[in-house]
Protein backbone atom coordinates (compact mmCIF):
# COMPACT_ATOMS: atom_id res chain seq x y z
CA MET A 1 -34.20 -21.95 -26.72
CA THR A 2 -34.23 -18.43 -25.30
CA ASP A 3 -37.41 -16.71 -24.18
CA GLN A 4 -37.72 -13.69 -26.47
CA ASN A 5 -39.34 -11.72 -23.64
CA ARG A 6 -36.46 -12.23 -21.26
CA ILE A 7 -33.12 -10.43 -21.14
CA VAL A 8 -30.26 -12.79 -21.91
CA VAL A 9 -27.21 -12.36 -19.68
CA GLY A 10 -24.09 -14.01 -21.07
CA VAL A 11 -20.94 -14.96 -19.16
CA PRO A 12 -17.97 -15.91 -21.35
CA LYS A 13 -14.81 -17.51 -19.97
CA GLU A 14 -12.03 -15.05 -19.20
CA THR A 15 -9.17 -15.23 -21.69
CA PHE A 16 -6.57 -12.88 -20.16
CA PRO A 17 -3.40 -14.86 -19.32
CA GLY A 18 -3.49 -16.01 -15.70
CA GLU A 19 -7.03 -14.73 -15.13
CA ARG A 20 -8.85 -17.40 -13.11
CA ARG A 21 -11.89 -15.42 -11.99
CA VAL A 22 -15.36 -15.73 -13.48
CA ALA A 23 -17.84 -12.84 -13.68
CA ILE A 24 -20.64 -14.59 -11.78
CA ILE A 25 -20.94 -17.65 -9.57
CA PRO A 26 -23.86 -20.12 -9.64
CA ASP A 27 -25.49 -18.73 -6.50
CA VAL A 28 -26.50 -15.45 -8.20
CA VAL A 29 -28.22 -17.12 -11.16
CA PRO A 30 -31.61 -17.34 -9.36
CA SER A 31 -31.56 -13.62 -8.49
CA LEU A 32 -30.84 -12.76 -12.12
CA GLU A 33 -33.70 -14.98 -13.25
CA LYS A 34 -36.01 -13.39 -10.69
CA ALA A 35 -35.16 -10.01 -12.24
CA GLY A 36 -36.30 -11.28 -15.63
CA ALA A 37 -33.01 -12.51 -17.08
CA GLU A 38 -32.02 -15.78 -18.70
CA VAL A 39 -28.41 -16.74 -17.98
CA TRP A 40 -26.05 -18.34 -20.50
CA VAL A 41 -22.54 -19.35 -19.42
CA GLU A 42 -19.66 -20.53 -21.56
CA SER A 43 -18.79 -24.12 -20.70
CA GLY A 44 -15.78 -24.21 -18.39
CA ALA A 45 -15.99 -20.49 -17.51
CA GLY A 46 -15.88 -21.07 -13.76
CA ILE A 47 -13.75 -24.18 -13.42
CA GLU A 48 -10.51 -22.39 -12.47
CA ALA A 49 -12.40 -20.45 -9.82
CA GLY A 50 -13.85 -23.64 -8.36
CA TYR A 51 -17.28 -23.39 -9.99
CA GLY A 52 -18.00 -26.29 -12.33
CA ASP A 53 -20.52 -26.40 -15.16
CA GLU A 54 -22.86 -28.55 -13.13
CA GLY A 55 -23.04 -25.82 -10.50
CA PHE A 56 -24.29 -23.33 -13.08
CA SER A 57 -26.73 -25.71 -14.78
CA GLY A 58 -27.99 -26.81 -11.39
CA LYS A 59 -29.02 -23.24 -10.65
CA GLY A 60 -30.79 -22.85 -13.98
CA ALA A 61 -28.10 -21.40 -16.26
CA HIS A 62 -27.69 -22.62 -19.86
CA LEU A 63 -24.27 -23.80 -21.05
CA ALA A 64 -22.91 -23.14 -24.54
CA ASP A 65 -19.71 -22.33 -26.43
CA ARG A 66 -18.29 -18.81 -26.54
CA ASP A 67 -19.73 -17.79 -29.89
CA GLU A 68 -23.23 -18.86 -28.91
CA VAL A 69 -23.05 -17.12 -25.53
CA LEU A 70 -21.95 -13.85 -27.13
CA SER A 71 -24.45 -14.03 -29.98
CA LYS A 72 -27.43 -14.72 -27.70
CA SER A 73 -26.56 -12.16 -25.03
CA ASP A 74 -28.29 -8.84 -24.57
CA VAL A 75 -25.92 -8.12 -21.68
CA VAL A 76 -22.42 -9.57 -21.33
CA PHE A 77 -20.82 -9.89 -17.90
CA GLN A 78 -17.01 -10.02 -17.89
CA VAL A 79 -14.19 -9.54 -15.43
CA ARG A 80 -11.90 -8.13 -18.12
CA THR A 81 -13.47 -6.49 -21.15
CA TYR A 82 -11.42 -5.60 -24.23
CA GLY A 83 -9.66 -2.62 -22.62
CA ALA A 84 -8.37 -4.81 -19.80
CA ASN A 85 -7.57 -7.70 -22.16
CA PRO A 86 -6.31 -5.98 -25.33
CA GLU A 87 -4.59 -8.91 -27.02
CA LEU A 88 -6.88 -11.90 -26.59
CA GLY A 89 -9.99 -9.79 -26.09
CA LYS A 90 -9.72 -8.24 -29.54
CA SER A 91 -11.23 -11.31 -31.22
CA ASP A 92 -14.48 -10.75 -29.31
CA LEU A 93 -15.06 -7.32 -30.85
CA THR A 94 -16.33 -8.77 -34.13
CA LYS A 95 -18.89 -10.80 -32.16
CA LEU A 96 -20.46 -7.79 -30.46
CA ARG A 97 -23.36 -5.88 -31.96
CA LYS A 98 -25.15 -2.56 -31.79
CA ASP A 99 -26.90 -1.84 -28.50
CA GLN A 100 -25.55 -4.99 -26.83
CA ILE A 101 -24.37 -4.13 -23.30
CA VAL A 102 -21.01 -5.17 -21.88
CA ILE A 103 -20.23 -4.70 -18.17
CA GLY A 104 -16.83 -5.23 -16.54
CA LEU A 105 -13.38 -3.84 -15.88
CA THR A 106 -12.23 -1.72 -18.83
CA GLU A 107 -8.96 0.12 -18.00
CA SER A 108 -10.58 3.10 -19.74
CA LEU A 109 -8.60 5.67 -17.76
CA SER A 110 -5.24 4.16 -18.70
CA GLU A 111 -6.19 2.82 -22.15
CA PRO A 112 -8.74 5.34 -23.50
CA ALA A 113 -7.90 4.58 -27.15
CA LEU A 114 -9.19 1.04 -26.67
CA SER A 115 -12.52 2.44 -25.52
CA LYS A 116 -12.73 4.32 -28.80
CA GLU A 117 -12.02 1.11 -30.68
CA PHE A 118 -14.68 -0.70 -28.64
CA ALA A 119 -17.20 2.04 -29.45
CA GLU A 120 -16.98 1.13 -33.13
CA THR A 121 -18.85 -2.12 -32.36
CA GLY A 122 -21.94 -0.08 -31.49
CA ALA A 123 -22.19 -1.87 -28.15
CA THR A 124 -22.71 -0.03 -24.88
CA LEU A 125 -19.81 -0.40 -22.45
CA PHE A 126 -20.03 0.08 -18.69
CA SER A 127 -16.80 0.46 -16.72
CA LEU A 128 -17.00 -0.72 -13.12
CA GLU A 129 -13.81 1.22 -12.30
CA LEU A 130 -15.70 4.46 -12.86
CA LEU A 131 -18.32 3.90 -10.17
CA PRO A 132 -18.85 7.03 -8.09
CA ARG A 133 -17.84 6.73 -4.44
CA ILE A 134 -21.34 7.12 -3.04
CA THR A 135 -23.19 5.05 -0.45
CA ARG A 136 -25.63 3.58 -2.97
CA ALA A 137 -22.77 2.22 -5.08
CA GLN A 138 -20.85 0.52 -2.26
CA SER A 139 -22.35 -2.91 -2.95
CA MET A 140 -21.19 -2.57 -6.58
CA ASP A 141 -17.66 -1.43 -5.76
CA VAL A 142 -15.45 -3.93 -7.57
CA LEU A 143 -12.24 -2.00 -6.90
CA SER A 144 -12.75 -2.20 -3.14
CA SER A 145 -13.64 -5.88 -3.29
CA MET A 146 -10.56 -6.76 -5.30
CA ALA A 147 -8.34 -4.50 -3.17
CA THR A 148 -9.48 -6.46 -0.12
CA ILE A 149 -8.24 -9.66 -1.73
CA ALA A 150 -4.96 -8.04 -2.81
CA GLY A 151 -4.23 -6.60 0.64
CA TYR A 152 -4.78 -9.98 2.26
CA LYS A 153 -2.66 -11.90 -0.26
CA ALA A 154 0.19 -9.36 -0.08
CA VAL A 155 0.72 -10.18 3.57
CA LEU A 156 0.79 -13.91 2.86
CA LEU A 157 3.40 -13.36 0.16
CA ALA A 158 5.51 -11.32 2.56
CA ALA A 159 5.16 -13.84 5.40
CA ASP A 160 6.20 -16.67 3.11
CA ARG A 161 9.27 -14.81 1.88
CA LEU A 162 10.44 -13.22 5.14
CA PRO A 163 13.14 -15.25 6.92
CA LYS A 164 11.38 -14.55 10.21
CA ILE A 165 8.05 -15.53 11.72
CA PHE A 166 5.41 -12.86 12.17
CA PRO A 167 4.23 -13.42 15.78
CA MET A 168 6.22 -13.21 19.01
CA PHE A 169 7.07 -16.64 20.41
CA MET A 170 8.13 -17.27 24.01
CA THR A 171 9.90 -20.60 24.05
CA ALA A 172 12.40 -22.59 26.09
CA ALA A 173 14.94 -21.51 23.50
CA GLY A 174 14.24 -17.88 24.25
CA THR A 175 11.86 -15.18 23.09
CA VAL A 176 11.40 -14.55 19.38
CA ALA A 177 10.57 -10.94 18.61
CA PRO A 178 7.60 -10.27 16.30
CA ALA A 179 8.14 -9.05 12.76
CA ARG A 180 7.57 -5.38 12.04
CA VAL A 181 5.32 -4.47 9.12
CA PHE A 182 4.92 -1.02 7.62
CA VAL A 183 1.97 -0.39 5.30
CA ILE A 184 2.04 2.62 2.99
CA GLY A 185 -1.46 3.71 2.05
CA ALA A 186 -4.48 3.03 4.25
CA GLY A 187 -7.08 2.55 1.56
CA VAL A 188 -9.01 -0.72 1.28
CA ALA A 189 -5.95 -2.80 0.34
CA GLY A 190 -3.81 -1.16 3.00
CA LEU A 191 -6.37 -1.61 5.76
CA GLN A 192 -6.76 -5.28 4.88
CA ALA A 193 -2.96 -5.65 4.91
CA ILE A 194 -2.87 -4.06 8.38
CA ALA A 195 -5.61 -6.36 9.67
CA THR A 196 -4.04 -9.50 8.21
CA SER A 197 -0.54 -8.64 9.49
CA LYS A 198 -1.96 -7.98 12.93
CA ARG A 199 -3.84 -11.30 12.94
CA LEU A 200 -0.57 -13.04 12.12
CA GLY A 201 1.02 -11.40 15.15
CA ALA A 202 3.21 -8.69 13.62
CA VAL A 203 3.79 -5.23 15.01
CA VAL A 204 2.11 -3.02 12.42
CA SER A 205 2.42 0.64 11.53
CA ALA A 206 0.99 2.55 8.59
CA TYR A 207 1.14 5.87 6.82
CA ASP A 208 -1.33 7.68 4.59
CA VAL A 209 -1.44 11.22 3.25
CA ARG A 210 -4.98 11.50 4.64
CA PRO A 211 -4.83 12.17 8.40
CA ALA A 212 -8.51 11.22 8.61
CA VAL A 213 -7.67 7.50 8.30
CA LYS A 214 -5.67 7.53 11.55
CA GLU A 215 -8.61 6.16 13.54
CA GLN A 216 -9.19 3.37 11.03
CA VAL A 217 -5.54 2.29 11.28
CA GLN A 218 -5.65 2.36 15.08
CA SER A 219 -8.95 0.45 15.19
CA LEU A 220 -7.20 -2.45 13.45
CA GLY A 221 -4.35 -2.45 15.96
CA GLY A 222 -1.86 -0.52 13.86
CA LYS A 223 0.19 2.53 14.79
CA PHE A 224 -0.38 5.53 12.56
CA VAL A 225 2.88 7.14 11.49
CA GLU A 226 2.57 10.90 11.31
CA LEU A 227 5.03 12.78 9.15
CA GLU A 228 5.35 16.51 9.62
CA ILE A 229 4.39 17.32 6.10
CA LYS A 230 1.35 19.18 4.85
CA ALA A 231 -0.79 17.20 2.41
CA GLU A 232 -2.69 18.81 -0.40
CA GLU A 233 -6.22 17.69 -1.24
CA SER A 234 -5.62 13.95 -1.68
CA GLU A 235 -8.96 12.85 -3.12
CA ASP A 236 -10.79 13.91 -6.27
CA ALA A 237 -14.47 14.77 -6.46
CA GLY A 238 -15.32 11.12 -7.09
CA GLY A 239 -13.64 9.96 -3.88
CA TYR A 240 -10.62 8.38 -5.58
CA ALA A 241 -6.99 9.12 -4.78
CA LYS A 242 -5.37 11.76 -6.95
CA ALA A 243 -1.75 12.46 -7.79
CA MET A 244 0.15 14.89 -5.56
CA GLY A 245 2.93 17.27 -6.60
CA GLU A 246 6.48 15.95 -7.02
CA GLU A 247 7.76 18.27 -4.28
CA PHE A 248 5.30 16.62 -1.87
CA TYR A 249 6.52 13.12 -2.80
CA LYS A 250 10.16 14.19 -2.47
CA ARG A 251 9.60 15.51 1.06
CA GLN A 252 7.57 12.43 1.92
CA ARG A 253 10.37 10.09 0.82
CA GLU A 254 12.92 11.99 2.89
CA MET A 255 10.85 11.68 6.07
CA MET A 256 9.90 8.07 5.47
CA THR A 257 13.44 6.71 5.07
CA LYS A 258 14.01 6.09 8.79
CA VAL A 259 10.61 4.43 9.24
CA VAL A 260 11.19 2.05 6.33
CA ALA A 261 14.64 1.04 7.63
CA GLU A 262 13.14 0.03 10.99
CA ASN A 263 10.73 -2.50 9.47
CA ASP A 264 11.08 -6.06 8.22
CA VAL A 265 8.23 -5.84 5.71
CA VAL A 266 6.97 -2.88 3.70
CA ILE A 267 3.68 -3.20 1.80
CA SER A 268 2.97 -0.29 -0.52
CA THR A 269 -0.50 0.30 -1.92
CA ALA A 270 -0.44 3.86 -3.27
CA ALA A 271 -2.06 3.94 -6.71
CA VAL A 272 -4.00 6.59 -8.59
CA PRO A 273 -6.57 5.33 -11.15
CA GLY A 274 -5.29 5.81 -14.68
CA LYS A 275 -1.98 7.32 -13.54
CA LYS A 276 1.54 6.00 -13.04
CA ALA A 277 2.04 5.10 -9.41
CA PRO A 278 4.11 7.61 -7.39
CA ILE A 279 7.63 6.58 -6.39
CA LEU A 280 7.65 6.39 -2.59
CA LEU A 281 10.54 3.97 -2.04
CA THR A 282 13.86 4.93 -3.61
CA LYS A 283 16.87 2.69 -4.12
CA GLU A 284 18.56 4.55 -1.25
CA MET A 285 15.66 3.64 1.04
CA VAL A 286 15.89 0.02 -0.04
CA GLY A 287 19.62 0.11 0.62
CA ALA A 288 18.99 1.20 4.20
CA MET A 289 16.81 -1.84 4.92
CA SER A 290 18.24 -4.90 6.65
CA PRO A 291 19.11 -7.98 4.57
CA GLY A 292 16.16 -10.38 4.54
CA SER A 293 13.61 -7.57 4.50
CA VAL A 294 10.70 -7.80 2.07
CA ILE A 295 8.84 -5.20 0.01
CA VAL A 296 5.52 -6.15 -1.57
CA ASP A 297 4.59 -3.49 -4.10
CA LEU A 298 0.84 -3.64 -4.76
CA ALA A 299 1.16 -0.71 -7.16
CA ALA A 300 3.28 -2.80 -9.53
CA GLU A 301 0.55 -2.83 -12.19
CA ARG A 302 0.88 0.98 -12.33
CA GLY A 303 4.67 0.92 -12.46
CA GLY A 304 5.24 0.46 -8.74
CA ASN A 305 5.79 2.59 -5.64
CA CYS A 306 9.34 1.30 -5.35
CA GLU A 307 11.95 2.59 -7.75
CA LEU A 308 13.39 -0.94 -8.09
CA THR A 309 10.13 -2.84 -8.62
CA ARG A 310 9.88 -4.97 -11.73
CA PRO A 311 6.18 -5.60 -12.42
CA GLY A 312 5.41 -9.30 -12.41
CA GLU A 313 8.81 -10.24 -10.98
CA THR A 314 10.52 -10.86 -7.65
CA VAL A 315 14.02 -9.41 -7.39
CA ASP A 316 16.76 -9.38 -4.76
CA VAL A 317 18.59 -6.10 -4.21
CA GLY A 318 21.33 -6.27 -1.60
CA GLY A 319 19.49 -8.98 0.29
CA VAL A 320 16.15 -7.16 0.20
CA THR A 321 13.38 -8.98 -1.68
CA ILE A 322 11.16 -6.75 -3.82
CA MET A 323 7.97 -8.36 -5.08
CA GLY A 324 5.90 -6.81 -7.85
CA PRO A 325 2.85 -9.09 -8.06
CA LEU A 326 0.23 -8.59 -10.78
CA ASN A 327 -3.48 -9.42 -10.63
CA LEU A 328 -3.42 -10.82 -7.10
CA PRO A 329 -7.22 -11.28 -6.95
CA ALA A 330 -6.90 -13.94 -9.66
CA THR A 331 -4.70 -15.99 -7.30
CA ILE A 332 -7.65 -16.39 -4.91
CA PRO A 333 -10.28 -16.89 -7.60
CA THR A 334 -13.04 -18.56 -5.61
CA HIS A 335 -13.70 -15.74 -3.20
CA ALA A 336 -12.61 -13.03 -5.64
CA SER A 337 -15.26 -14.33 -8.05
CA GLN A 338 -17.84 -14.49 -5.27
CA MET A 339 -17.26 -10.84 -4.41
CA TYR A 340 -17.08 -9.71 -8.04
CA SER A 341 -20.27 -11.64 -8.79
CA LYS A 342 -22.14 -9.77 -6.07
CA ASN A 343 -20.82 -6.43 -7.31
CA ILE A 344 -21.65 -6.91 -11.00
CA THR A 345 -25.07 -8.43 -10.28
CA THR A 346 -26.02 -5.51 -8.05
CA PHE A 347 -24.90 -3.13 -10.78
CA PHE A 348 -27.01 -4.98 -13.34
CA LEU A 349 -30.09 -4.89 -11.09
CA ASN A 350 -29.68 -1.10 -10.98
CA ILE A 351 -30.23 -0.88 -14.75
CA CYS A 352 -32.70 -3.75 -15.05
CA LYS A 353 -36.14 -2.62 -13.92
CA GLU A 354 -39.17 -4.88 -14.10
CA GLY A 355 -37.57 -7.21 -16.59
CA ALA A 356 -36.34 -4.48 -18.94
CA ILE A 357 -33.09 -2.55 -19.34
CA THR A 358 -33.53 1.08 -18.28
CA LEU A 359 -30.58 3.39 -18.87
CA ASP A 360 -31.46 6.41 -16.76
CA MET A 361 -28.87 9.10 -17.45
CA GLU A 362 -30.11 11.04 -14.42
CA ASP A 363 -28.74 8.23 -12.25
CA GLU A 364 -25.11 9.09 -11.53
CA ILE A 365 -24.15 5.41 -11.29
CA THR A 366 -25.36 4.79 -14.84
CA ARG A 367 -24.10 8.12 -16.15
CA ASP A 368 -20.61 7.93 -14.63
CA THR A 369 -19.91 4.33 -15.65
CA MET A 370 -21.19 4.42 -19.23
CA VAL A 371 -18.14 4.66 -21.51
CA THR A 372 -19.59 4.01 -24.97
CA LYS A 373 -23.02 4.07 -26.59
CA GLY A 374 -24.34 4.32 -30.14
CA GLY A 375 -20.91 3.99 -31.73
CA ASP A 376 -19.30 6.80 -29.75
CA VAL A 377 -17.34 7.34 -26.54
CA ILE A 378 -19.75 9.28 -24.35
CA SER A 379 -17.96 9.40 -20.99
CA PRO A 380 -16.74 13.00 -20.46
CA ARG A 381 -13.70 11.73 -18.55
CA ILE A 382 -12.63 9.39 -21.34
CA ARG A 383 -13.44 11.93 -24.07
CA GLU A 384 -11.16 14.41 -22.32
CA LEU A 385 -8.34 11.85 -22.23
CA LEU A 386 -8.87 11.26 -25.95
CA GLY A 387 -8.80 15.00 -26.68
CA LEU A 388 -12.43 14.94 -27.85
CA SER A 389 -14.89 17.75 -27.29
CA HIS A 390 -17.78 17.43 -24.86
CA THR A 391 -20.73 16.90 -27.19
CA ASN A 392 -24.28 15.71 -26.85
CA ALA A 393 -22.78 12.20 -27.03
CA ALA A 394 -21.99 12.67 -23.36
CA GLU A 395 -25.70 12.88 -22.62
CA GLY A 396 -26.22 9.27 -23.64
CA ARG A 397 -27.85 9.83 -26.99
């Protein structure tokens, strides 16, 4: 039985193919209960991430089937909401109700029409991708958490595929030179790729359009590659990367060709939220690389930074392996879920005050992440993508 005075937080099992994460782990259940919530988890939701049902029940969560979890919930925690799980997530829409709250990844910037469809349920949708890049939101920053996992795993994929070892070995059979790794993009994923490559003993260099990250690259033991090319403003007002002009990318590719050819591994991480990833590695650049070289394209989900990337596949082009992995965080589900759990719980505690949900539209975290409410899309960014006017819906009516 649920306590009618307590907020019910529901955690359904993820249904997206290959998704092994779970929205919360057992350890955060007590903090949710302390905030005035009662936690219901779909049986089996955390098993693939290494969190069994007994772990959840042992911390005080209730277990039930999917329909019961969704029907009881005032707030639903998910990794992938409908927008990020359009095929299998569609069946959940009929189970949602007016004023129910759903929090998770939404793909609203790339799939705005699905947000409009979600709005018809009457439920309120919060998109964790839309968090503002402010200090107060850092502990809620799902994109950074998952990028950390992706950057780490990308290096492991490259090391496994490369026909060389990463560190320098001095042996009786002679000295083995270290592998050379070039990381394109020094955001969270790129910095983690630099750090992981360095720990494995590789010689690491990196490039980013933002000269300000030079010190961060160097602090991790990498060499910052400076191209004599003037960058435009490379971040938007929200602190996220924005697309540059095609002339800029053309000049960048020309100057990067020699650097790419000198390296054994190239890890590209340049992605712009809601946009197709820029092409930074052309087929000519790939052709100049030595046989056995490896490219791991972390922008594959946005089309890829390499012209020859096939999202979700690994291909061989003239002896160069090009990997286009998708959803890498789901391949390390235990720690990815741990990090996601912390992020989403902290977000929830920002809107749950003294045991009640408080949607303060003066709070930029709440305002910027709220996509739908009251049967309408209210996010100005998503309304603009849908070609809708800015109405009083955007004020959270």
